Amino acid sequence: MNKNTVLAWSFVVALGGFLFGFDTAVISGAEKAVQEHWHLSEFQHGLTMAIALIGTVVGAALGALPSDKLGRKNTLFAVAALYFISAIGSALANDWTVFILFRFLGGIGVGVSSVTAPIYISEISPAASRGKLVGLFQFNVVLGILIAYLSNYFIGQLGEESWRWMLGVQCFPSLLFFILIFFIPESPRWLLLHKNNLSEATKIMKRINSEGYELEIEKIQESNDRMAGEGKLFIRENAKPILLALCFALFNQLSGINAIIYYAPRVFEMAGLGSQSSLLSTVGIGVINFIFTLVAINFIDKVGRKKLMLVGSLGLIVSLALVSQAFYTEQTTGFAITIYLMSFIAFFAFSQGAVIWVFISEIFPNDVRAKGQTFGSLTHWVMAAIITFCFPALTEILGGGGTFLMFALFMVLQLIYVVKFMPETKGRSLEDMGQTINLH
């Protein structure tokens, strides 16, 4: 019963990941129609595509403040409200400036969600199943991306105003998310650390772990008593987790994943596919992403985070190199490029995609976990914005071959990072994680 309770709470919070993925990918189907509707210049079009990512960077930068001050649960309420307002506002906007304002608000929701949701799930999860439960967040991200692609494909048949429905339909899952948050408790670790509310934290911990809750509360309190940083992230004691999170987040985006998610139809058109075939291939990418994320979250607590990253890094190097070679040799038949890119998505979903939010939510001490997650998430989204913004220019300057070769070389560096520096974190309590990090 306890396992089912924690699973239910985790799944509710992971719905924030579904909205995260949906909001991230939905613009790919509407971008051309939006450009034509308001007769946007290249600069305005680029800003329209990037504005949600800019909002995400702001949300990620600010994510620790509401998460620590207001609590994880109240922050999730705010995230749901932002998603709802963004969906309605974007769909009904009668002015381009108003449109990008509402897309910006949605981006803030994504950024705050990427900080708060993984923290909440990691703080309520038993150590033995924490990877799988936090992995639900990423599972819902890719499910949101897939549903956005499918939604865009079907709604796209409705006519020239269909882009409004593409963006507005997100209001329904946003409202559901808001309602379901009423049924989850506050994070017991937040109650202990920020509110010193032992009685309420004990009630929640007892529901999570009816047999070992007293020992777990004792360990949390002892861990908090040992902490000398007083909630400061950038101190010497936190140097290792900071460096680990920084590198992990950098490599996540230097794989080229967001460029492919945002520009998938254009990449396929570069390879010679027609526009309709490109949309269908994009749906295929969403399906592969979904399947291999599901596979990964079923392995992450069994084989560990590091092994997934080793397998994934090798696969990413090979698949990106094959894409690069296909462009260099001009053997860009739609079929070959589709297979290579789907292989890339499969290896990414199996490794970086599934591991990033789990790993970063685990490696920081209790008193700076929200700040550490903010730091990792902020790094991730700044890089996402940079890569997304630069991708069209990169393909113009370097061509498809040079661009994907560059991504492949970065994955070689990621492999070195995983082999030499990445610790294994499976099966350890959050309070013991500092010791785990120091042993590697």
Protein backbone atom coordinates (compact mmCIF):
# COMPACT_ATOMS: atom_id res chain seq x y z
CA MET A 1 0.00 0.00 0.00
CA ASN A 2 2.86 2.37 0.86
CA LYS A 3 4.48 1.71 -2.50
CA ASN A 4 1.23 2.42 -4.30
CA THR A 5 0.74 5.63 -2.30
CA VAL A 6 4.19 6.95 -3.20
CA LEU A 7 3.72 5.87 -6.81
CA ALA A 8 0.41 7.76 -7.00
CA TRP A 9 1.93 10.94 -5.51
CA SER A 10 4.92 10.67 -7.84
CA PHE A 11 2.71 10.20 -10.88
CA VAL A 12 0.64 13.28 -10.01
CA VAL A 13 3.77 15.42 -9.71
CA ALA A 14 5.23 13.86 -12.84
CA LEU A 15 2.23 15.27 -14.75
CA GLY A 16 4.19 18.52 -14.51
CA GLY A 17 6.69 16.73 -16.77
CA PHE A 18 3.92 15.91 -19.26
CA LEU A 19 3.05 19.61 -19.52
CA PHE A 20 6.78 20.43 -19.68
CA GLY A 21 7.18 18.11 -22.71
CA PHE A 22 3.95 19.21 -24.37
CA ASP A 23 4.78 22.90 -24.02
CA THR A 24 8.32 22.35 -25.32
CA ALA A 25 7.30 20.45 -28.47
CA VAL A 26 3.92 21.92 -29.41
CA ILE A 27 5.39 25.04 -31.01
CA SER A 28 7.13 22.89 -33.67
CA GLY A 29 3.78 22.28 -35.38
CA ALA A 30 2.60 25.88 -35.10
CA GLU A 31 5.78 27.82 -35.89
CA LYS A 32 5.26 28.22 -39.65
CA ALA A 33 1.59 29.19 -39.29
CA VAL A 34 2.47 31.72 -36.57
CA GLN A 35 5.17 33.21 -38.79
CA GLU A 36 2.74 33.60 -41.68
CA HIS A 37 -0.15 34.84 -39.50
CA TRP A 38 1.78 37.85 -38.18
CA HIS A 39 4.17 38.18 -41.17
CA LEU A 40 7.17 37.85 -38.88
CA SER A 41 10.71 38.77 -39.88
CA GLU A 42 13.48 36.21 -39.36
CA PHE A 43 14.45 37.89 -36.10
CA GLN A 44 10.83 37.93 -34.85
CA HIS A 45 10.38 34.30 -35.88
CA GLY A 46 13.56 33.30 -34.04
CA LEU A 47 12.39 35.17 -30.95
CA THR A 48 8.99 33.47 -31.16
CA MET A 49 10.68 30.06 -31.18
CA ALA A 50 13.13 30.95 -28.40
CA ILE A 51 10.87 32.97 -26.08
CA ALA A 52 9.55 29.94 -24.18
CA LEU A 53 13.14 28.77 -23.65
CA ILE A 54 14.05 32.23 -22.37
CA GLY A 55 11.13 31.93 -19.95
CA THR A 56 12.37 28.48 -19.00
CA VAL A 57 15.80 29.90 -18.15
CA VAL A 58 14.14 32.54 -15.94
CA GLY A 59 11.92 29.91 -14.30
CA ALA A 60 14.87 27.58 -13.71
CA ALA A 61 16.93 30.44 -12.23
CA LEU A 62 14.13 31.37 -9.82
CA GLY A 63 12.94 27.81 -9.14
CA ALA A 64 14.66 27.37 -5.77
CA LEU A 65 13.06 30.50 -4.28
CA PRO A 66 9.39 29.42 -4.29
CA SER A 67 10.37 25.78 -3.78
CA ASP A 68 12.21 26.59 -0.53
CA LYS A 69 10.08 29.50 0.67
CA LEU A 70 6.55 28.38 -0.23
CA GLY A 71 7.09 24.64 -0.29
CA ARG A 72 7.21 22.08 -3.07
CA LYS A 73 3.41 21.64 -3.20
CA ASN A 74 2.47 25.34 -3.38
CA THR A 75 5.10 25.85 -6.07
CA LEU A 76 3.51 23.07 -8.14
CA PHE A 77 0.15 24.85 -7.86
CA ALA A 78 1.81 27.95 -9.34
CA VAL A 79 3.35 25.87 -12.14
CA ALA A 80 -0.05 24.41 -13.09
CA ALA A 81 -1.58 27.90 -13.13
CA LEU A 82 1.20 29.21 -15.39
CA TYR A 83 0.67 26.36 -17.88
CA PHE A 84 -3.09 27.00 -17.95
CA ILE A 85 -2.76 30.77 -18.42
CA SER A 86 -0.10 30.32 -21.10
CA ALA A 87 -2.23 27.86 -23.10
CA ILE A 88 -5.36 30.03 -23.05
CA GLY A 89 -3.45 33.27 -23.67
CA SER A 90 -1.37 31.89 -26.56
CA ALA A 91 -4.44 30.45 -28.27
CA LEU A 92 -6.51 33.64 -28.00
CA ALA A 93 -3.74 36.20 -28.60
CA ASN A 94 -4.65 38.82 -31.21
CA ASP A 95 -1.24 40.49 -31.20
CA TRP A 96 2.24 39.04 -31.64
CA THR A 97 3.59 40.81 -28.53
CA VAL A 98 0.77 39.36 -26.42
CA PHE A 99 1.44 35.93 -27.95
CA ILE A 100 5.12 35.88 -26.99
CA LEU A 101 4.26 37.16 -23.49
CA PHE A 102 2.03 34.14 -22.87
CA ARG A 103 4.61 31.76 -24.39
CA PHE A 104 7.15 33.33 -22.02
CA LEU A 105 4.87 32.58 -19.03
CA GLY A 106 4.59 28.97 -20.15
CA GLY A 107 8.37 28.79 -20.32
CA ILE A 108 8.61 30.01 -16.72
CA GLY A 109 6.30 27.14 -15.78
CA VAL A 110 8.60 24.65 -17.54
CA GLY A 111 11.67 26.05 -15.76
CA VAL A 112 10.15 25.97 -12.28
CA SER A 113 8.71 22.51 -12.94
CA SER A 114 12.13 21.15 -13.94
CA VAL A 115 13.42 22.22 -10.52
CA THR A 116 10.54 21.42 -8.20
CA ALA A 117 8.99 18.20 -9.55
CA PRO A 118 12.18 16.04 -9.50
CA ILE A 119 13.05 17.37 -6.02
CA TYR A 120 9.61 16.52 -4.65
CA ILE A 121 9.67 12.99 -6.06
CA SER A 122 13.24 12.35 -4.86
CA GLU A 123 12.31 13.53 -1.35
CA ILE A 124 9.33 11.17 -0.97
CA SER A 125 10.88 8.13 -2.68
CA PRO A 126 12.50 5.10 -0.99
CA ALA A 127 16.17 4.80 -2.00
CA ALA A 128 15.65 1.44 -3.74
CA SER A 129 13.07 2.84 -6.19
CA ARG A 130 14.04 6.52 -6.34
CA GLY A 131 15.50 6.30 -9.85
CA LYS A 132 12.35 4.74 -11.26
CA LEU A 133 10.04 7.19 -9.49
CA VAL A 134 12.00 10.33 -10.43
CA GLY A 135 12.29 8.79 -13.90
CA LEU A 136 8.49 9.09 -14.12
CA PHE A 137 9.07 12.81 -14.57
CA GLN A 138 11.18 12.26 -17.70
CA PHE A 139 8.78 9.55 -18.87
CA ASN A 140 5.99 12.13 -18.73
CA VAL A 141 8.18 14.71 -20.49
CA VAL A 142 8.61 12.43 -23.49
CA LEU A 143 4.95 11.38 -23.33
CA GLY A 144 4.07 15.08 -23.49
CA ILE A 145 6.37 15.53 -26.49
CA LEU A 146 4.78 12.54 -28.25
CA ILE A 147 1.22 13.71 -27.54
CA ALA A 148 2.14 17.21 -28.76
CA TYR A 149 3.44 15.77 -32.05
CA LEU A 150 0.32 13.62 -32.49
CA SER A 151 -1.95 16.48 -31.49
CA ASN A 152 -0.21 18.80 -33.97
CA TYR A 153 -0.55 16.22 -36.74
CA PHE A 154 -4.31 15.72 -36.26
CA ILE A 155 -5.24 19.30 -35.33
CA GLY A 156 -3.15 20.51 -38.29
CA GLN A 157 -5.87 19.19 -40.61
CA LEU A 158 -8.42 21.71 -39.24
CA GLY A 159 -7.42 24.71 -41.35
CA GLU A 160 -5.39 27.91 -41.14
CA GLU A 161 -6.41 28.74 -37.55
CA SER A 162 -5.51 25.23 -36.34
CA TRP A 163 -2.35 26.57 -34.68
CA ARG A 164 -4.56 28.21 -32.03
CA TRP A 165 -6.06 24.85 -31.12
CA MET A 166 -2.60 23.23 -31.10
CA LEU A 167 -1.50 25.65 -28.37
CA GLY A 168 -4.82 26.00 -26.54
CA VAL A 169 -5.53 22.31 -25.99
CA GLN A 170 -2.86 22.29 -23.25
CA CYS A 171 -5.32 24.03 -20.91
CA PHE A 172 -7.12 20.71 -20.26
CA PRO A 173 -4.18 18.71 -18.81
CA SER A 174 -3.06 21.89 -16.97
CA LEU A 175 -6.41 22.08 -15.19
CA LEU A 176 -6.26 18.36 -14.33
CA PHE A 177 -2.75 18.82 -12.91
CA PHE A 178 -3.92 21.73 -10.73
CA ILE A 179 -6.82 19.69 -9.31
CA LEU A 180 -4.73 16.58 -8.57
CA ILE A 181 -2.11 18.55 -6.61
CA PHE A 182 -4.75 18.99 -3.87
CA PHE A 183 -4.45 15.24 -3.19
CA ILE A 184 -0.69 15.08 -2.52
CA PRO A 185 1.08 16.03 0.74
CA GLU A 186 3.94 18.45 1.20
CA SER A 187 7.48 17.01 1.03
CA PRO A 188 8.36 15.71 4.52
CA ARG A 189 12.00 16.72 4.10
CA TRP A 190 10.92 20.30 3.29
CA LEU A 191 8.68 20.32 6.38
CA LEU A 192 11.59 19.22 8.57
CA LEU A 193 14.26 21.46 7.05
CA HIS A 194 12.33 24.67 6.36
CA LYS A 195 9.40 24.54 8.80
CA ASN A 196 10.77 22.37 11.61
CA ASN A 197 7.36 20.66 11.53
CA LEU A 198 8.22 17.27 12.97
CA SER A 199 4.65 16.10 13.61
CA GLU A 200 3.39 16.68 10.06
CA ALA A 201 6.59 15.29 8.52
CA THR A 202 6.28 12.18 10.70
CA LYS A 203 2.69 11.55 9.54
CA ILE A 204 3.77 11.71 5.89
CA MET A 205 6.93 9.62 6.41
CA LYS A 206 4.83 6.98 8.20
CA ARG A 207 2.62 6.69 5.09
CA ILE A 208 5.70 6.37 2.91
CA ASN A 209 7.60 3.87 5.08
CA SER A 210 5.50 2.49 7.94
CA GLU A 211 8.30 0.30 9.31
CA GLY A 212 11.44 2.40 8.96
CA TYR A 213 10.09 5.96 9.13
CA GLU A 214 11.50 6.75 12.60
CA LEU A 215 15.04 5.80 11.57
CA GLU A 216 14.71 7.77 8.35
CA ILE A 217 13.56 10.92 10.19
CA GLU A 218 16.46 10.50 12.59
CA LYS A 219 18.91 10.28 9.68
CA ILE A 220 17.41 13.39 8.05
CA GLN A 221 17.75 15.35 11.29
CA GLU A 222 21.32 14.14 11.87
CA SER A 223 22.24 15.05 8.30
CA ASN A 224 20.78 18.53 8.73
CA ASP A 225 22.63 19.00 12.03
CA ARG A 226 25.95 18.13 10.36
CA MET A 227 25.51 20.70 7.60
CA ALA A 228 27.66 23.74 8.12
CA GLY A 229 26.84 25.50 4.86
CA GLU A 230 23.68 27.18 6.18
CA GLY A 231 21.96 26.71 2.86
CA LYS A 232 24.80 28.17 0.75
CA LEU A 233 25.35 26.32 -2.51
CA PHE A 234 28.65 27.78 -3.67
CA ILE A 235 30.95 26.65 -0.88
CA ARG A 236 33.94 24.33 -1.02
CA GLU A 237 32.04 21.35 0.42
CA ASN A 238 29.64 21.40 -2.53
CA ALA A 239 32.29 21.70 -5.26
CA LYS A 240 31.98 18.08 -6.45
CA PRO A 241 28.20 17.95 -6.86
CA ILE A 242 28.26 21.39 -8.52
CA LEU A 243 30.85 20.23 -11.07
CA LEU A 244 29.01 16.95 -11.67
CA ALA A 245 25.69 18.73 -12.26
CA LEU A 246 27.31 21.36 -14.48
CA CYS A 247 28.95 18.79 -16.78
CA PHE A 248 25.88 16.57 -16.89
CA ALA A 249 23.59 19.44 -17.89
CA LEU A 250 26.06 20.79 -20.48
CA PHE A 251 26.46 17.43 -22.19
CA ASN A 252 22.70 16.88 -22.20
CA GLN A 253 22.24 19.77 -24.62
CA LEU A 254 25.57 19.43 -26.46
CA SER A 255 24.19 16.15 -27.80
CA GLY A 256 21.92 18.28 -29.99
CA ILE A 257 18.71 16.84 -28.53
CA ASN A 258 16.72 20.07 -28.28
CA ALA A 259 17.77 21.18 -31.76
CA ILE A 260 16.31 17.94 -33.08
CA ILE A 261 13.14 18.15 -30.94
CA TYR A 262 12.48 21.76 -32.01
CA TYR A 263 13.53 21.45 -35.64
CA ALA A 264 12.75 17.79 -36.40
CA PRO A 265 10.52 18.52 -39.43
CA ARG A 266 13.18 20.83 -40.90
CA VAL A 267 15.96 18.28 -40.32
CA PHE A 268 13.95 15.68 -42.23
CA GLU A 269 13.22 18.17 -45.00
CA MET A 270 16.98 18.88 -45.20
CA ALA A 271 17.35 15.15 -45.80
CA GLY A 272 14.88 15.25 -48.70
CA LEU A 273 11.59 14.21 -47.14
CA GLY A 274 8.40 16.07 -48.05
CA SER A 275 6.64 18.15 -45.40
CA GLN A 276 3.91 15.59 -44.64
CA SER A 277 6.44 12.73 -44.41
CA SER A 278 8.56 14.94 -42.16
CA LEU A 279 5.66 15.39 -39.74
CA LEU A 280 5.07 11.63 -39.65
CA SER A 281 8.80 10.97 -39.08
CA THR A 282 8.67 13.48 -36.24
CA VAL A 283 5.85 11.45 -34.66
CA GLY A 284 8.12 8.41 -35.06
CA ILE A 285 10.82 10.19 -33.09
CA GLY A 286 8.29 10.86 -30.34
CA VAL A 287 7.31 7.17 -30.21
CA ILE A 288 10.95 6.00 -30.00
CA ASN A 289 11.66 8.59 -27.30
CA PHE A 290 8.68 7.33 -25.31
CA ILE A 291 9.51 3.61 -25.65
CA PHE A 292 13.17 3.88 -24.67
CA THR A 293 12.47 6.20 -21.75
CA LEU A 294 10.04 3.56 -20.48
CA VAL A 295 12.75 0.91 -20.88
CA ALA A 296 15.32 3.09 -19.10
CA ILE A 297 13.20 3.81 -16.02
CA ASN A 298 12.73 0.07 -15.58
CA PHE A 299 16.52 -0.45 -15.62
CA ILE A 300 17.78 2.62 -13.77
CA ASP A 301 17.46 1.15 -10.26
CA LYS A 302 18.63 -2.32 -11.35
CA VAL A 303 21.80 -1.59 -13.31
CA GLY A 304 22.43 1.96 -12.08
CA ARG A 305 22.74 5.40 -13.57
CA LYS A 306 26.35 5.05 -14.69
CA LYS A 307 25.84 1.93 -16.84
CA LEU A 308 22.92 3.54 -18.64
CA MET A 309 25.15 6.53 -19.37
CA LEU A 310 28.00 4.33 -20.64
CA VAL A 311 25.76 2.46 -23.08
CA GLY A 312 24.00 5.66 -24.12
CA SER A 313 27.19 7.64 -24.71
CA LEU A 314 28.61 4.99 -27.02
CA GLY A 315 25.33 4.78 -28.93
CA LEU A 316 25.09 8.55 -29.27
CA ILE A 317 28.61 8.79 -30.68
CA VAL A 318 27.90 6.15 -33.33
CA SER A 319 24.44 7.42 -34.34
CA LEU A 320 25.52 11.07 -34.59
CA ALA A 321 28.59 10.05 -36.60
CA LEU A 322 26.35 8.14 -39.02
CA VAL A 323 24.07 11.18 -39.46
CA SER A 324 27.14 13.33 -40.10
CA GLN A 325 28.55 10.85 -42.62
CA ALA A 326 25.21 10.69 -44.46
CA PHE A 327 25.22 14.46 -44.91
CA TYR A 328 28.91 14.61 -45.89
CA THR A 329 28.54 11.86 -48.50
CA GLU A 330 25.17 13.24 -49.64
CA GLN A 331 23.57 9.85 -49.05
CA THR A 332 20.66 11.58 -47.37
CA THR A 333 17.86 9.29 -48.41
CA GLY A 334 14.98 9.95 -46.05
CA PHE A 335 15.02 6.34 -44.84
CA ALA A 336 18.67 6.34 -43.76
CA ILE A 337 18.50 9.67 -41.94
CA THR A 338 15.28 8.59 -40.22
CA ILE A 339 16.89 5.37 -38.95
CA TYR A 340 20.03 7.18 -37.71
CA LEU A 341 18.08 9.93 -35.96
CA MET A 342 15.74 7.43 -34.34
CA SER A 343 18.78 5.51 -33.11
CA PHE A 344 20.11 8.75 -31.65
CA ILE A 345 16.77 9.39 -29.89
CA ALA A 346 16.71 5.80 -28.56
CA PHE A 347 20.19 6.04 -27.03
CA PHE A 348 19.51 9.52 -25.67
CA ALA A 349 16.23 8.45 -24.05
CA PHE A 350 17.92 5.36 -22.57
CA SER A 351 20.71 7.42 -20.99
CA GLN A 352 20.81 11.21 -20.67
CA GLY A 353 17.07 11.67 -21.02
CA ALA A 354 16.20 9.25 -18.24
CA VAL A 355 19.13 9.94 -15.92
CA ILE A 356 19.56 13.74 -15.83
CA TRP A 357 16.73 14.74 -13.48
CA VAL A 358 17.31 11.68 -11.27
CA PHE A 359 21.05 12.25 -10.93
CA ILE A 360 20.92 16.00 -10.28
CA SER A 361 18.11 15.61 -7.73
CA GLU A 362 20.21 13.06 -5.80
CA ILE A 363 23.71 14.48 -5.52
CA PHE A 364 23.17 17.67 -3.48
CA PRO A 365 22.84 17.83 0.33
CA ASN A 366 19.35 18.40 1.80
CA ASP A 367 19.90 22.06 2.69
CA VAL A 368 20.86 23.05 -0.87
CA ARG A 369 18.98 20.47 -2.94
CA ALA A 370 16.57 23.02 -4.42
CA LYS A 371 19.44 25.40 -5.18
CA GLY A 372 21.52 22.59 -6.67
CA GLN A 373 18.60 21.44 -8.81
CA THR A 374 18.11 25.06 -9.87
CA PHE A 375 21.78 25.30 -10.84
CA GLY A 376 21.65 22.09 -12.90
CA SER A 377 18.32 22.97 -14.48
CA LEU A 378 19.45 26.53 -15.26
CA THR A 379 22.61 25.23 -16.96
CA HIS A 380 20.50 22.79 -18.96
CA TRP A 381 18.05 25.45 -20.15
CA VAL A 382 20.64 28.12 -20.93
CA MET A 383 22.39 25.59 -23.14
CA ALA A 384 19.05 24.54 -24.66
CA ALA A 385 18.32 28.16 -25.58
CA ILE A 386 21.80 28.66 -27.05
CA ILE A 387 21.73 25.45 -29.12
CA THR A 388 18.16 26.05 -30.32
CA PHE A 389 18.97 29.62 -31.29
CA CYS A 390 22.23 28.69 -33.04
CA PHE A 391 21.12 25.49 -34.79
CA PRO A 392 19.80 27.11 -38.01
CA ALA A 393 22.98 29.21 -38.30
CA LEU A 394 25.19 26.19 -37.56
CA THR A 395 23.58 24.14 -40.32
CA GLU A 396 23.96 27.10 -42.67
CA ILE A 397 27.68 27.52 -41.86
CA LEU A 398 28.81 23.94 -41.18
CA GLY A 399 26.16 22.04 -43.12
CA GLY A 400 24.38 19.01 -41.71
CA GLY A 401 27.59 16.97 -41.72
CA GLY A 402 29.66 19.44 -39.71
CA THR A 403 26.88 20.19 -37.24
CA PHE A 404 26.20 16.56 -36.35
CA LEU A 405 29.94 15.76 -36.27
CA MET A 406 30.34 18.52 -33.67
CA PHE A 407 27.58 16.94 -31.56
CA ALA A 408 29.29 13.53 -31.90
CA LEU A 409 32.62 14.94 -30.65
CA PHE A 410 30.91 16.41 -27.60
CA MET A 411 29.52 12.95 -26.85
CA VAL A 412 33.08 11.59 -26.88
CA LEU A 413 33.83 14.08 -24.11
CA GLN A 414 30.70 12.93 -22.29
CA LEU A 415 31.93 9.34 -22.42
CA ILE A 416 35.21 10.41 -20.78
CA TYR A 417 33.24 12.26 -18.09
CA VAL A 418 31.09 9.20 -17.37
CA VAL A 419 34.05 6.80 -17.19
CA LYS A 420 36.35 9.04 -15.14
CA PHE A 421 34.17 11.22 -12.95
CA MET A 422 30.52 10.14 -12.67
CA PRO A 423 29.71 8.31 -9.40
CA GLU A 424 27.05 5.62 -9.10
CA THR A 425 24.17 6.79 -6.90
CA LYS A 426 21.67 3.93 -7.03
CA GLY A 427 20.36 2.48 -3.78
CA ARG A 428 21.76 5.16 -1.45
CA SER A 429 19.67 7.38 0.79
CA LEU A 430 19.74 11.10 0.03
CA GLU A 431 21.43 11.68 3.38
CA ASP A 432 24.24 9.25 2.51
CA MET A 433 24.77 10.71 -0.95
CA GLY A 434 27.53 13.07 0.12
CA GLN A 435 29.57 10.08 1.25
CA THR A 436 28.85 8.33 -2.06
CA ILE A 437 30.13 11.34 -4.01
CA ASN A 438 33.29 11.59 -1.91
CA LEU A 439 34.15 7.96 -2.48
CA HIS A 440 34.51 8.51 -6.23
